[in-house]
């Protein structure tokens, strides 16, 4: 058996923690994505995504939202990771909505703008609110925001940026999918689980990194 990658080690720590302290949330994690689902994302984008994203989807295909899921989220602040096909669905949605915002007379100008921005290194963010075709949404907060992965070239290829319906972050929050899950695993290890009553342990507010009502 080969040596685990950093993203695999971090994710297994998260799964172990959830199994012990938030089993209902653990049960909402989807099984691994199929190779065909992950390939669909790459084919739609017309480019490969970072290895750690492919590896992670091969471990868990995002979070399944169910009616009795405990209040809380896996990614600070209040987002959950998308399944592979949901990521590409939202990617298409962002681009389609954007196309409708600009009249045909501006299409050529916008294509030049996009071509210029695609040549900028990953992590170079725009002053204007515009969705680039190399930004892949990989997590959502349920109200139009979440995280996107910047797939442009450069040292920060694969970095993660927060966004909402009105704006997006001015700098990447995580440099990679691996860094995200390492941070989440480390944060979960700091939760004071001894403060949780046994009858409430499954209601841990994961996105708040503390016990209920904290």
C-alpha atoms as a PDB file:
ATOM      1  CA  UNK A   1       0.000   0.000   0.000  1.00  0.00           C
ATOM      2  CA  UNK A   2       1.368   3.409  -0.949  1.00  0.00           C
ATOM      3  CA  UNK A   3       1.997   6.287   1.422  1.00  0.00           C
ATOM      4  CA  UNK A   4      -1.014   8.512   2.079  1.00  0.00           C
ATOM      5  CA  UNK A   5      -0.982  11.998   0.642  1.00  0.00           C
ATOM      6  CA  UNK A   6      -1.436  15.019   2.903  1.00  0.00           C
ATOM      7  CA  UNK A   7      -5.029  15.516   1.759  1.00  0.00           C
ATOM      8  CA  UNK A   8      -5.835  11.871   2.486  1.00  0.00           C
ATOM      9  CA  UNK A   9      -4.337  12.068   5.971  1.00  0.00           C
ATOM     10  CA  UNK A  10      -6.257  15.257   6.759  1.00  0.00           C
ATOM     11  CA  UNK A  11      -9.544  13.894   5.447  1.00  0.00           C
ATOM     12  CA  UNK A  12      -9.225  10.661   7.430  1.00  0.00           C
ATOM     13  CA  UNK A  13      -8.654  12.729  10.573  1.00  0.00           C
ATOM     14  CA  UNK A  14     -11.870  14.647   9.799  1.00  0.00           C
ATOM     15  CA  UNK A  15     -13.839  11.462   9.177  1.00  0.00           C
ATOM     16  CA  UNK A  16     -12.583   9.935  12.434  1.00  0.00           C
ATOM     17  CA  UNK A  17     -13.529  13.052  14.392  1.00  0.00           C
ATOM     18  CA  UNK A  18     -16.992  13.215  12.847  1.00  0.00           C
ATOM     19  CA  UNK A  19     -17.563   9.515  13.485  1.00  0.00           C
ATOM     20  CA  UNK A  20     -16.841  10.052  17.181  1.00  0.00           C
ATOM     21  CA  UNK A  21     -18.456  13.419  17.846  1.00  0.00           C
ATOM     22  CA  UNK A  22     -20.958  14.119  15.059  1.00  0.00           C
ATOM     23  CA  UNK A  23     -22.054  10.795  13.576  1.00  0.00           C
ATOM     24  CA  UNK A  24     -25.188  12.189  11.943  1.00  0.00           C
ATOM     25  CA  UNK A  25     -23.085  14.716  10.069  1.00  0.00           C
ATOM     26  CA  UNK A  26     -20.592  11.969   9.224  1.00  0.00           C
ATOM     27  CA  UNK A  27     -23.461   9.980   7.701  1.00  0.00           C
ATOM     28  CA  UNK A  28     -24.273  12.941   5.433  1.00  0.00           C
ATOM     29  CA  UNK A  29     -20.899  12.700   3.686  1.00  0.00           C
ATOM     30  CA  UNK A  30     -21.328  11.201   0.241  1.00  0.00           C
ATOM     31  CA  UNK A  31     -19.362   8.131  -0.831  1.00  0.00           C
ATOM     32  CA  UNK A  32     -16.465   8.670  -3.256  1.00  0.00           C
ATOM     33  CA  UNK A  33     -17.177  10.194  -6.642  1.00  0.00           C
ATOM     34  CA  UNK A  34     -16.779   7.932  -9.628  1.00  0.00           C
ATOM     35  CA  UNK A  35     -13.911   8.471 -12.028  1.00  0.00           C
ATOM     36  CA  UNK A  36     -16.495   9.364 -14.691  1.00  0.00           C
ATOM     37  CA  UNK A  37     -17.960  12.127 -12.489  1.00  0.00           C
ATOM     38  CA  UNK A  38     -14.532  13.628 -11.822  1.00  0.00           C
ATOM     39  CA  UNK A  39     -13.626  13.352 -15.506  1.00  0.00           C
ATOM     40  CA  UNK A  40     -16.858  15.197 -16.393  1.00  0.00           C
ATOM     41  CA  UNK A  41     -15.611  18.199 -14.431  1.00  0.00           C
ATOM     42  CA  UNK A  42     -12.246  18.201 -16.230  1.00  0.00           C
ATOM     43  CA  UNK A  43     -13.894  17.716 -19.631  1.00  0.00           C
ATOM     44  CA  UNK A  44     -16.370  20.553 -19.032  1.00  0.00           C
ATOM     45  CA  UNK A  45     -13.599  22.914 -17.935  1.00  0.00           C
ATOM     46  CA  UNK A  46     -11.354  21.830 -20.776  1.00  0.00           C
ATOM     47  CA  UNK A  47      -8.479  21.402 -18.337  1.00  0.00           C
ATOM     48  CA  UNK A  48      -7.336  19.165 -15.520  1.00  0.00           C
ATOM     49  CA  UNK A  49      -7.965  20.182 -11.938  1.00  0.00           C
ATOM     50  CA  UNK A  50      -5.366  19.888  -9.159  1.00  0.00           C
ATOM     51  CA  UNK A  51      -4.439  16.396  -8.020  1.00  0.00           C
ATOM     52  CA  UNK A  52      -5.572  17.016  -4.436  1.00  0.00           C
ATOM     53  CA  UNK A  53      -9.096  17.913  -5.593  1.00  0.00           C
ATOM     54  CA  UNK A  54      -9.282  14.715  -7.640  1.00  0.00           C
ATOM     55  CA  UNK A  55      -7.937  12.717  -4.694  1.00  0.00           C
ATOM     56  CA  UNK A  56     -10.435  14.293  -2.290  1.00  0.00           C
ATOM     57  CA  UNK A  57     -13.424  13.611  -4.567  1.00  0.00           C
ATOM     58  CA  UNK A  58     -12.115  10.048  -4.663  1.00  0.00           C
ATOM     59  CA  UNK A  59     -12.510   9.968  -0.867  1.00  0.00           C
ATOM     60  CA  UNK A  60     -15.849  11.773  -0.481  1.00  0.00           C
ATOM     61  CA  UNK A  61     -18.129  13.331  -3.053  1.00  0.00           C
ATOM     62  CA  UNK A  62     -19.233  16.294  -0.956  1.00  0.00           C
ATOM     63  CA  UNK A  63     -21.996  16.600   1.625  1.00  0.00           C
ATOM     64  CA  UNK A  64     -25.536  15.352   1.172  1.00  0.00           C
ATOM     65  CA  UNK A  65     -28.067  17.831   2.564  1.00  0.00           C
ATOM     66  CA  UNK A  66     -30.797  16.134   4.537  1.00  0.00           C
ATOM     67  CA  UNK A  67     -33.661  17.588   6.556  1.00  0.00           C
ATOM     68  CA  UNK A  68     -32.357  16.543   9.983  1.00  0.00           C
ATOM     69  CA  UNK A  69     -28.713  17.405   9.430  1.00  0.00           C
ATOM     70  CA  UNK A  70     -27.362  19.116  12.579  1.00  0.00           C
ATOM     71  CA  UNK A  71     -27.043  22.874  12.308  1.00  0.00           C
ATOM     72  CA  UNK A  72     -23.487  23.539  11.276  1.00  0.00           C
ATOM     73  CA  UNK A  73     -21.090  23.263   8.372  1.00  0.00           C
ATOM     74  CA  UNK A  74     -17.791  21.598   7.641  1.00  0.00           C
ATOM     75  CA  UNK A  75     -15.920  24.589   6.153  1.00  0.00           C
ATOM     76  CA  UNK A  76     -15.521  27.903   7.987  1.00  0.00           C
ATOM     77  CA  UNK A  77     -17.470  30.006   7.715  1.00  0.00           C
ATOM     78  CA  UNK A  78     -20.659  28.018   7.083  1.00  0.00           C
ATOM     79  CA  UNK A  79     -20.020  26.259   3.763  1.00  0.00           C
ATOM     80  CA  UNK A  80     -20.113  22.597   2.757  1.00  0.00           C
ATOM     81  CA  UNK A  81     -18.183  20.930  -0.071  1.00  0.00           C
ATOM     82  CA  UNK A  82     -19.968  20.216  -3.351  1.00  0.00           C
ATOM     83  CA  UNK A  83     -20.213  16.879  -5.096  1.00  0.00           C
ATOM     84  CA  UNK A  84     -18.287  16.913  -8.380  1.00  0.00           C
ATOM     85  CA  UNK A  85     -21.335  17.222 -10.630  1.00  0.00           C
ATOM     86  CA  UNK A  86     -22.844  19.941  -8.427  1.00  0.00           C
ATOM     87  CA  UNK A  87     -19.604  21.925  -8.787  1.00  0.00           C
ATOM     88  CA  UNK A  88     -19.785  21.863 -12.572  1.00  0.00           C
ATOM     89  CA  UNK A  89     -23.532  22.591 -12.490  1.00  0.00           C
ATOM     90  CA  UNK A  90     -22.921  25.742 -10.446  1.00  0.00           C
ATOM     91  CA  UNK A  91     -19.975  26.672 -12.662  1.00  0.00           C
ATOM     92  CA  UNK A  92     -22.277  26.600 -15.695  1.00  0.00           C
ATOM     93  CA  UNK A  93     -24.927  28.567 -13.820  1.00  0.00           C
ATOM     94  CA  UNK A  94     -22.504  31.377 -12.921  1.00  0.00           C
ATOM     95  CA  UNK A  95     -21.351  31.700 -16.522  1.00  0.00           C
ATOM     96  CA  UNK A  96     -24.900  31.580 -17.940  1.00  0.00           C
ATOM     97  CA  UNK A  97     -26.165  34.237 -15.536  1.00  0.00           C
ATOM     98  CA  UNK A  98     -23.206  36.417 -16.366  1.00  0.00           C
ATOM     99  CA  UNK A  99     -23.817  36.135 -20.106  1.00  0.00           C
ATOM    100  CA  UNK A 100     -27.345  37.438 -19.599  1.00  0.00           C
ATOM    101  CA  UNK A 101     -26.066  40.524 -17.790  1.00  0.00           C
ATOM    102  CA  UNK A 102     -24.211  41.861 -20.831  1.00  0.00           C
ATOM    103  CA  UNK A 103     -25.922  42.876 -24.094  1.00  0.00           C
ATOM    104  CA  UNK A 104     -24.696  41.337 -27.379  1.00  0.00           C
ATOM    105  CA  UNK A 105     -22.998  44.625 -28.239  1.00  0.00           C
ATOM    106  CA  UNK A 106     -20.590  44.077 -25.324  1.00  0.00           C
ATOM    107  CA  UNK A 107     -19.814  40.400 -25.960  1.00  0.00           C
ATOM    108  CA  UNK A 108     -16.631  41.006 -27.950  1.00  0.00           C
ATOM    109  CA  UNK A 109     -15.338  43.435 -25.341  1.00  0.00           C
ATOM    110  CA  UNK A 110     -16.091  40.968 -22.547  1.00  0.00           C
ATOM    111  CA  UNK A 111     -14.362  38.127 -24.397  1.00  0.00           C
ATOM    112  CA  UNK A 112     -11.211  40.245 -24.627  1.00  0.00           C
ATOM    113  CA  UNK A 113     -11.526  41.053 -20.931  1.00  0.00           C
ATOM    114  CA  UNK A 114     -11.846  37.375 -20.015  1.00  0.00           C
ATOM    115  CA  UNK A 115      -8.902  36.390 -22.216  1.00  0.00           C
ATOM    116  CA  UNK A 116      -6.756  39.010 -20.476  1.00  0.00           C
ATOM    117  CA  UNK A 117      -7.843  37.899 -17.001  1.00  0.00           C
ATOM    118  CA  UNK A 118      -7.273  34.222 -17.794  1.00  0.00           C
ATOM    119  CA  UNK A 119      -3.625  35.095 -18.452  1.00  0.00           C
ATOM    120  CA  UNK A 120      -3.274  36.587 -14.965  1.00  0.00           C
ATOM    121  CA  UNK A 121      -1.809  34.265 -12.325  1.00  0.00           C
ATOM    122  CA  UNK A 122      -4.153  32.390 -10.013  1.00  0.00           C
ATOM    123  CA  UNK A 123      -5.031  34.421  -6.940  1.00  0.00           C
ATOM    124  CA  UNK A 124      -5.176  37.688  -8.901  1.00  0.00           C
ATOM    125  CA  UNK A 125      -8.680  38.864  -8.094  1.00  0.00           C
ATOM    126  CA  UNK A 126     -10.813  41.411  -9.887  1.00  0.00           C
ATOM    127  CA  UNK A 127     -12.087  44.733  -8.660  1.00  0.00           C
ATOM    128  CA  UNK A 128     -15.208  44.148 -10.728  1.00  0.00           C
ATOM    129  CA  UNK A 129     -17.679  41.416  -9.775  1.00  0.00           C
ATOM    130  CA  UNK A 130     -17.181  39.060 -12.691  1.00  0.00           C
ATOM    131  CA  UNK A 131     -17.059  35.255 -12.804  1.00  0.00           C
ATOM    132  CA  UNK A 132     -14.118  33.902 -14.766  1.00  0.00           C
ATOM    133  CA  UNK A 133     -14.469  30.569 -16.578  1.00  0.00           C
ATOM    134  CA  UNK A 134     -11.447  29.209 -14.693  1.00  0.00           C
ATOM    135  CA  UNK A 135     -13.111  29.681 -11.312  1.00  0.00           C
ATOM    136  CA  UNK A 136     -14.674  26.406 -10.187  1.00  0.00           C
ATOM    137  CA  UNK A 137     -17.121  26.590  -7.252  1.00  0.00           C
ATOM    138  CA  UNK A 138     -16.260  23.756  -4.869  1.00  0.00           C
ATOM    139  CA  UNK A 139     -18.356  24.610  -1.788  1.00  0.00           C
ATOM    140  CA  UNK A 140     -21.591  26.463  -1.066  1.00  0.00           C
ATOM    141  CA  UNK A 141     -23.284  28.160   1.874  1.00  0.00           C
ATOM    142  CA  UNK A 142     -26.851  27.636   0.604  1.00  0.00           C
ATOM    143  CA  UNK A 143     -27.479  31.344  -0.033  1.00  0.00           C
ATOM    144  CA  UNK A 144     -25.445  31.964  -3.162  1.00  0.00           C
ATOM    145  CA  UNK A 145     -21.952  32.058  -1.718  1.00  0.00           C
ATOM    146  CA  UNK A 146     -19.170  29.666  -0.827  1.00  0.00           C
ATOM    147  CA  UNK A 147     -15.697  28.895  -2.122  1.00  0.00           C
ATOM    148  CA  UNK A 148     -14.280  28.753  -5.620  1.00  0.00           C
ATOM    149  CA  UNK A 149     -11.023  27.237  -6.802  1.00  0.00           C
ATOM    150  CA  UNK A 150      -8.901  29.451  -9.043  1.00  0.00           C
ATOM    151  CA  UNK A 151      -7.643  27.204 -11.858  1.00  0.00           C
ATOM    152  CA  UNK A 152      -5.527  29.776 -13.671  1.00  0.00           C
ATOM    153  CA  UNK A 153      -1.821  29.070 -13.946  1.00  0.00           C
ATOM    154  CA  UNK A 154       0.755  30.282 -11.445  1.00  0.00           C
ATOM    155  CA  UNK A 155       2.141  29.416  -8.001  1.00  0.00           C
ATOM    156  CA  UNK A 156      -1.367  29.664  -6.478  1.00  0.00           C
ATOM    157  CA  UNK A 157      -3.015  27.370  -9.040  1.00  0.00           C
ATOM    158  CA  UNK A 158      -5.797  25.640  -7.110  1.00  0.00           C
ATOM    159  CA  UNK A 159      -6.146  28.271  -4.377  1.00  0.00           C
ATOM    160  CA  UNK A 160      -9.530  28.753  -2.717  1.00  0.00           C
ATOM    161  CA  UNK A 161     -11.356  32.083  -2.536  1.00  0.00           C
ATOM    162  CA  UNK A 162     -14.486  32.952  -0.575  1.00  0.00           C
ATOM    163  CA  UNK A 163     -17.394  34.595  -2.367  1.00  0.00           C
ATOM    164  CA  UNK A 164     -20.974  35.691  -1.746  1.00  0.00           C
ATOM    165  CA  UNK A 165     -23.737  36.907  -4.030  1.00  0.00           C
ATOM    166  CA  UNK A 166     -22.420  40.464  -3.700  1.00  0.00           C
ATOM    167  CA  UNK A 167     -18.638  40.138  -3.555  1.00  0.00           C
ATOM    168  CA  UNK A 168     -15.658  37.810  -3.231  1.00  0.00           C
ATOM    169  CA  UNK A 169     -12.560  37.792  -1.125  1.00  0.00           C
ATOM    170  CA  UNK A 170      -9.645  40.055  -1.913  1.00  0.00           C
ATOM    171  CA  UNK A 171      -7.068  37.320  -1.254  1.00  0.00           C
ATOM    172  CA  UNK A 172      -7.199  33.503  -1.338  1.00  0.00           C
ATOM    173  CA  UNK A 173      -8.185  32.031   2.003  1.00  0.00           C
ATOM    174  CA  UNK A 174      -6.478  28.683   1.412  1.00  0.00           C
ATOM    175  CA  UNK A 175      -3.660  27.950  -1.016  1.00  0.00           C
ATOM    176  CA  UNK A 176      -4.987  24.499  -1.898  1.00  0.00           C
ATOM    177  CA  UNK A 177      -7.593  21.855  -1.161  1.00  0.00           C
ATOM    178  CA  UNK A 178      -4.991  20.139   0.982  1.00  0.00           C
ATOM    179  CA  UNK A 179      -4.469  23.234   3.121  1.00  0.00           C
ATOM    180  CA  UNK A 180      -8.233  23.589   3.577  1.00  0.00           C
ATOM    181  CA  UNK A 181      -8.679  20.091   4.973  1.00  0.00           C
ATOM    182  CA  UNK A 182      -5.538  20.270   7.104  1.00  0.00           C
ATOM    183  CA  UNK A 183      -6.882  23.475   8.670  1.00  0.00           C
ATOM    184  CA  UNK A 184     -10.329  21.933   9.221  1.00  0.00           C
ATOM    185  CA  UNK A 185      -8.802  18.839  10.836  1.00  0.00           C
ATOM    186  CA  UNK A 186      -6.633  21.003  13.099  1.00  0.00           C
ATOM    187  CA  UNK A 187      -9.613  23.163  14.076  1.00  0.00           C
ATOM    188  CA  UNK A 188     -11.750  20.164  14.927  1.00  0.00           C
ATOM    189  CA  UNK A 189      -8.983  18.936  17.226  1.00  0.00           C
ATOM    190  CA  UNK A 190      -9.306  22.185  19.223  1.00  0.00           C
ATOM    191  CA  UNK A 191     -13.039  21.767  19.913  1.00  0.00           C
ATOM    192  CA  UNK A 192     -13.675  21.316  23.613  1.00  0.00           C
ATOM    193  CA  UNK A 193     -15.670  18.130  23.264  1.00  0.00           C
ATOM    194  CA  UNK A 194     -15.658  17.597  27.023  1.00  0.00           C
ATOM    195  CA  UNK A 195     -18.121  20.515  27.277  1.00  0.00           C
ATOM    196  CA  UNK A 196     -20.728  18.648  25.272  1.00  0.00           C
ATOM    197  CA  UNK A 197     -23.437  16.794  27.142  1.00  0.00           C
ATOM    198  CA  UNK A 198     -23.843  13.227  25.949  1.00  0.00           C
ATOM    199  CA  UNK A 199     -27.406  13.861  24.807  1.00  0.00           C
ATOM    200  CA  UNK A 200     -26.320  16.833  22.676  1.00  0.00           C
ATOM    201  CA  UNK A 201     -23.025  15.605  21.278  1.00  0.00           C
ATOM    202  CA  UNK A 202     -24.518  14.961  17.839  1.00  0.00           C
ATOM    203  CA  UNK A 203     -25.804  18.542  17.615  1.00  0.00           C
ATOM    204  CA  UNK A 204     -22.326  20.012  17.509  1.00  0.00           C
ATOM    205  CA  UNK A 205     -22.292  23.118  15.356  1.00  0.00           C
ATOM    206  CA  UNK A 206     -19.377  22.155  13.183  1.00  0.00           C
ATOM    207  CA  UNK A 207     -19.209  25.468  11.318  1.00  0.00           C
ATOM    208  CA  UNK A 208     -18.976  27.312  14.653  1.00  0.00           C
ATOM    209  CA  UNK A 209     -16.158  25.129  16.006  1.00  0.00           C
ATOM    210  CA  UNK A 210     -17.748  24.758  19.404  1.00  0.00           C
ATOM    211  CA  UNK A 211     -20.634  23.248  21.350  1.00  0.00           C
ATOM    212  CA  UNK A 212     -24.318  24.171  20.757  1.00  0.00           C
ATOM    213  CA  UNK A 213     -25.236  27.737  21.674  1.00  0.00           C
ATOM    214  CA  UNK A 214     -21.562  28.726  21.905  1.00  0.00           C
END
